[in-house]
Protein backbone atom coordinates (compact mmCIF):
# COMPACT_ATOMS: atom_id res chain seq x y z
CA MET A 1 -51.72 224.82 174.59
CA ASN A 2 -54.75 225.95 172.65
CA ILE A 3 -57.19 223.05 172.53
CA THR A 4 -58.97 224.40 169.40
CA LEU A 5 -55.77 224.13 167.35
CA LEU A 6 -54.92 220.50 168.36
CA PRO A 7 -57.13 218.77 165.68
CA ALA A 8 -55.62 220.95 162.92
CA ARG A 9 -52.09 220.18 164.12
CA ILE A 10 -52.74 216.41 164.23
CA ALA A 11 -54.15 216.40 160.80
CA LEU A 12 -51.20 218.34 159.37
CA GLN A 13 -48.70 215.91 160.95
CA SER A 14 -50.77 212.85 159.56
CA ARG A 15 -50.76 214.44 156.11
CA SER A 16 -46.96 215.03 156.17
CA ALA A 17 -46.40 211.37 157.26
CA ALA A 18 -48.67 210.20 154.49
CA TYR A 19 -46.79 212.22 151.94
CA GLY A 20 -43.47 210.81 153.24
CA ILE A 21 -44.72 207.24 153.02
CA ALA A 22 -46.03 207.80 149.48
CA ALA A 23 -42.76 209.27 148.38
CA LEU A 24 -40.83 206.42 149.79
CA ILE A 25 -43.17 203.97 148.06
CA ALA A 26 -42.79 205.82 144.81
CA SER A 27 -39.09 206.12 144.86
CA SER A 28 -38.35 202.42 145.90
CA PRO A 29 -39.15 200.91 142.55
CA LEU A 30 -37.14 203.54 140.79
CA ALA A 31 -34.08 203.11 143.10
CA LEU A 32 -34.39 199.34 142.66
CA ALA A 33 -34.67 199.63 138.94
CA GLN A 34 -31.60 201.94 138.88
CA GLU A 35 -29.60 199.53 140.95
CA ALA A 36 -30.73 196.55 138.91
CA ALA A 37 -30.04 198.18 135.57
CA PRO A 38 -26.18 198.00 135.68
CA ALA A 39 -26.32 194.47 136.89
CA ALA A 40 -28.59 193.44 134.14
CA SER A 41 -26.57 195.16 131.59
CA LYS A 42 -23.41 193.53 132.84
CA ALA A 43 -25.15 190.14 132.74
CA ALA A 44 -26.27 190.66 129.18
CA GLU A 45 -22.75 191.65 128.18
CA GLU A 46 -21.43 188.52 129.73
CA ASP A 47 -24.06 186.26 128.15
CA ILE A 48 -23.83 187.79 124.66
CA SER A 49 -20.34 187.40 123.46
CA ILE A 50 -18.83 186.31 120.17
CA GLY A 51 -17.21 183.24 121.72
CA LYS A 52 -20.41 182.12 123.37
CA LEU A 53 -22.37 182.69 120.19
CA ILE A 54 -19.90 180.59 118.25
CA VAL A 55 -20.03 177.87 120.79
CA ASP A 56 -23.76 177.81 120.88
CA SER A 57 -24.00 177.68 117.03
CA GLY A 58 -22.75 174.08 117.06
CA PRO A 59 -20.64 172.27 114.57
CA ILE A 60 -22.28 173.94 111.51
CA GLY A 61 -21.56 177.29 113.05
CA TRP A 62 -17.87 176.31 113.51
CA CYS A 63 -17.76 175.32 109.85
CA ILE A 64 -19.04 178.75 108.81
CA VAL A 65 -16.50 180.47 110.99
CA VAL A 66 -13.76 178.43 109.23
CA LEU A 67 -15.21 179.59 105.87
CA SER A 68 -15.13 183.04 107.02
CA VAL A 69 -11.44 182.88 107.91
CA VAL A 70 -10.61 181.26 104.44
CA ALA A 71 -12.61 184.04 102.65
CA LEU A 72 -10.84 186.72 104.52
CA ALA A 73 -7.47 185.35 103.67
CA MET A 74 -8.44 185.00 99.96
CA ILE A 75 -9.83 188.49 99.80
CA ILE A 76 -6.61 189.93 101.30
CA GLU A 77 -4.47 188.01 98.87
CA ALA A 78 -6.58 188.89 95.84
CA PHE A 79 -6.50 192.64 96.77
CA VAL A 80 -2.70 192.50 96.82
CA SER A 81 -2.04 190.22 93.73
CA LEU A 82 -4.75 191.53 91.41
CA LYS A 83 -3.74 195.14 91.45
CA ARG A 84 -3.15 196.97 88.15
CA ASP A 85 0.52 197.38 89.04
CA LYS A 86 0.87 193.72 89.67
CA LEU A 87 -0.72 192.45 86.52
CA ALA A 88 0.79 195.04 84.18
CA PRO A 89 3.53 197.04 85.91
CA PRO A 90 3.97 200.48 84.18
CA ASP A 91 7.76 200.25 84.22
CA GLN A 92 7.74 196.93 82.37
CA ILE A 93 5.33 198.29 79.84
CA ASP A 94 7.62 201.27 79.12
CA GLU A 95 10.69 199.01 79.04
CA ILE A 96 9.23 196.60 76.55
CA GLN A 97 7.86 199.39 74.50
CA ALA A 98 11.39 200.87 74.22
CA LEU A 99 12.96 197.53 73.28
CA PHE A 100 10.30 197.17 70.58
CA ASP A 101 11.14 200.54 69.24
CA GLU A 102 14.75 199.57 69.07
CA GLY A 103 13.92 196.27 67.38
CA GLN A 104 15.52 194.28 70.31
CA TYR A 105 12.89 191.54 70.46
CA GLN A 106 15.11 188.90 72.04
CA GLU A 107 15.86 191.23 74.89
CA ALA A 108 12.21 191.85 75.26
CA MET A 109 11.61 188.02 75.35
CA ASN A 110 14.20 187.68 78.05
CA LEU A 111 12.56 190.35 80.16
CA CYS A 112 9.25 188.69 79.82
CA GLU A 113 10.56 185.38 80.93
CA ASP A 114 12.56 186.92 83.86
CA GLU A 115 9.60 188.78 85.29
CA PRO A 116 6.41 186.83 84.66
CA ASN A 117 3.03 188.37 85.04
CA TYR A 118 -0.17 188.79 83.03
CA PHE A 119 1.26 191.39 80.68
CA THR A 120 4.64 189.75 80.10
CA ARG A 121 3.11 186.28 79.48
CA VAL A 122 0.83 187.64 76.82
CA CYS A 123 3.69 189.64 75.30
CA ALA A 124 6.00 186.61 75.26
CA ALA A 125 3.35 184.64 73.34
CA GLY A 126 3.30 187.26 70.63
CA ILE A 127 7.16 187.82 70.59
CA ALA A 128 7.65 184.01 70.14
CA LYS A 129 5.70 184.27 66.78
CA ILE A 130 7.45 187.29 65.39
CA GLY A 131 8.38 186.42 61.81
CA HIS A 132 5.16 184.62 61.12
CA GLU A 133 1.99 186.10 59.62
CA PHE A 134 0.33 188.85 61.68
CA GLU A 135 -2.79 186.60 62.00
CA VAL A 136 -0.66 183.96 63.72
CA ILE A 137 0.81 186.51 66.16
CA GLU A 138 -2.69 187.92 66.83
CA LYS A 139 -4.03 184.43 67.41
CA CYS A 140 -1.32 183.50 69.87
CA ILE A 141 -1.65 186.70 71.83
CA GLU A 142 -5.51 186.15 72.05
CA GLU A 143 -5.13 182.51 73.21
CA MET A 144 -2.59 183.41 75.86
CA GLY A 145 -4.73 186.30 76.99
CA ASP A 146 -7.80 184.00 77.35
CA GLU A 147 -5.72 181.42 79.22
CA GLU A 148 -4.34 184.04 81.68
CA SER A 149 -7.74 185.45 82.22
CA VAL A 150 -9.25 182.06 83.03
CA LYS A 151 -6.46 181.62 85.66
CA LEU A 152 -7.20 184.96 87.24
CA HIS A 153 -10.97 184.24 87.31
CA GLN A 154 -10.28 180.97 88.93
CA LYS A 155 -8.28 182.69 91.63
CA ILE A 156 -11.33 184.76 92.76
CA GLY A 157 -13.93 182.12 91.80
CA TRP A 158 -13.48 180.48 95.25
CA LEU A 159 -14.88 183.62 96.78
CA SER A 160 -18.07 183.22 94.74
CA LEU A 161 -18.29 179.48 95.90
CA ILE A 162 -17.88 180.55 99.55
CA ALA A 163 -20.51 183.38 99.15
CA ASN A 164 -23.01 180.81 97.89
CA VAL A 165 -22.05 177.91 100.31
CA ALA A 166 -22.15 180.07 103.54
CA PRO A 167 -25.91 180.81 103.45
CA MET A 168 -26.69 177.24 102.48
CA MET A 169 -24.77 176.05 105.52
CA GLY A 170 -26.74 178.54 107.56
CA LEU A 171 -29.98 177.17 106.20
CA LEU A 172 -28.78 173.60 107.11
CA GLY A 173 -28.08 174.74 110.58
CA THR A 174 -31.54 176.34 110.66
CA VAL A 175 -33.23 173.10 109.68
CA SER A 176 -31.06 171.13 112.12
CA GLY A 177 -32.07 173.43 114.94
CA MET A 178 -35.75 173.33 114.12
CA VAL A 179 -35.68 169.52 114.00
CA THR A 180 -34.05 169.50 117.40
CA ALA A 181 -36.71 171.73 118.74
CA PHE A 182 -39.61 169.74 117.35
CA ASN A 183 -38.03 166.53 118.77
CA THR A 184 -38.00 168.19 122.19
CA ILE A 185 -41.68 169.04 121.89
CA ALA A 186 -42.43 165.46 120.77
CA SER A 187 -40.47 163.80 123.54
CA SER A 188 -42.15 166.01 126.19
CA GLY A 189 -45.62 165.17 124.92
CA GLY A 190 -46.29 168.79 123.81
CA GLN A 191 -45.37 170.18 127.27
CA ALA A 192 -41.96 171.45 126.56
CA SER A 193 -41.02 174.78 128.16
CA PRO A 194 -39.51 177.65 126.37
CA ALA A 195 -36.16 177.01 128.03
CA GLU A 196 -36.15 173.44 126.64
CA LEU A 197 -36.69 174.73 123.13
CA ALA A 198 -34.30 177.60 123.29
CA SER A 199 -31.22 175.50 122.48
CA GLY A 200 -32.49 174.13 119.11
CA ILE A 201 -33.93 177.59 118.09
CA SER A 202 -30.75 179.30 119.10
CA VAL A 203 -28.76 176.96 116.81
CA ALA A 204 -31.23 177.72 114.01
CA LEU A 205 -31.01 181.44 114.24
CA LEU A 206 -27.24 181.63 114.92
CA THR A 207 -26.24 179.59 111.88
CA THR A 208 -28.49 181.68 109.63
CA LEU A 209 -26.93 184.93 111.11
CA PHE A 210 -23.38 183.53 110.58
CA GLY A 211 -24.09 182.44 106.98
CA LEU A 212 -25.36 185.80 106.09
CA ILE A 213 -22.47 187.63 107.86
CA VAL A 214 -20.04 185.56 105.73
CA ALA A 215 -21.96 185.70 102.38
CA ILE A 216 -22.76 189.45 102.23
CA PRO A 217 -19.26 190.92 102.45
CA THR A 218 -17.69 187.98 100.42
CA THR A 219 -20.21 188.57 97.64
CA ALA A 220 -19.33 192.39 97.65
CA ALA A 221 -15.63 191.64 97.64
CA PHE A 222 -16.00 189.13 94.75
CA ALA A 223 -17.91 191.69 92.66
CA PHE A 224 -15.36 194.46 93.28
CA LEU A 225 -12.32 192.16 92.52
CA ARG A 226 -13.94 190.77 89.41
CA ASN A 227 -14.83 194.21 87.96
CA ARG A 228 -11.37 195.56 88.77
CA MET A 229 -9.77 192.51 87.18
CA ILE A 230 -11.79 192.78 84.00
CA ARG A 231 -10.92 196.39 83.68
CA THR A 232 -7.30 195.60 84.11
CA ILE A 233 -7.43 192.78 81.45
CA ILE A 234 -9.12 195.04 78.91
CA GLU A 235 -6.58 197.80 79.39
CA THR A 236 -3.67 195.49 79.19
CA GLY A 237 -5.12 193.82 76.10
CA ALA A 238 -5.36 197.17 74.39
CA ILE A 239 -1.69 197.93 75.35
CA VAL A 240 -0.53 194.64 73.90
CA GLU A 241 -2.55 195.11 70.74
CA ASP A 242 -1.06 198.53 70.13
CA LEU A 243 2.37 197.10 70.94
CA PHE A 244 2.06 194.44 68.16
CA GLU A 245 0.20 196.65 65.66
CA ARG A 246 3.54 197.50 63.97
CA PHE A 247 3.63 193.91 62.60
CA ARG A 248 0.32 194.26 60.80
CA PRO A 249 0.72 194.34 57.08
CA GLY A 250 0.88 197.81 55.62
CA GLN A 251 2.00 199.40 58.87
CA PRO A 252 5.24 201.62 59.06
CA GLY A 253 8.13 199.63 60.37
CA LYS A 254 6.72 196.31 59.04
């Protein structure tokens, strides 16, 4: 063995060993982080679930959840019952128009009574006054139209109420949760840990979140349904007015 090369060989082996140890040290945290990441993600998914959030929100959170179910049912029912074809079916409009053209007003009244809806009720009010002055017919039609419109507005008015009550209940939950948190601080002499305060603060934030989640889509649905209903009422009113225009003095067929 060449003695002169021994120090260089020992230095090279020491340097390789040092590099290996450094690489192992550097890779260990990364490997540990990669192994811990799926476990942490899985734990977070288990901890943050809808059911757990509802349970953690307390009684006020449960009340908001009940409101959301009621609001959803009312929105679905309103979308189905307040359609243009439900309030003023085109086939009924054509049929009553044909009966008016033939002068068969009693048959038109029977049709309105057999198939009640917004259009037929308003028409029936006018048909019942045929033979009176046109002003009387017109007034009865307007009164019945206003009455039916109020009923339709009342049907969706509950959505407006829920949209206003839900965030207020969320605010109530927020205040209740903050009171709980401050009581915890007071009872511990100002030495409460974050874990001890987490319960009250969690209720405060969750109820506010739930209230807004219910209020925002309910408000949007109410605005959409109200605008669609008003448009249908205006269109139906114009159809009825045109239908009874023949009874105005001076009109052909009077």
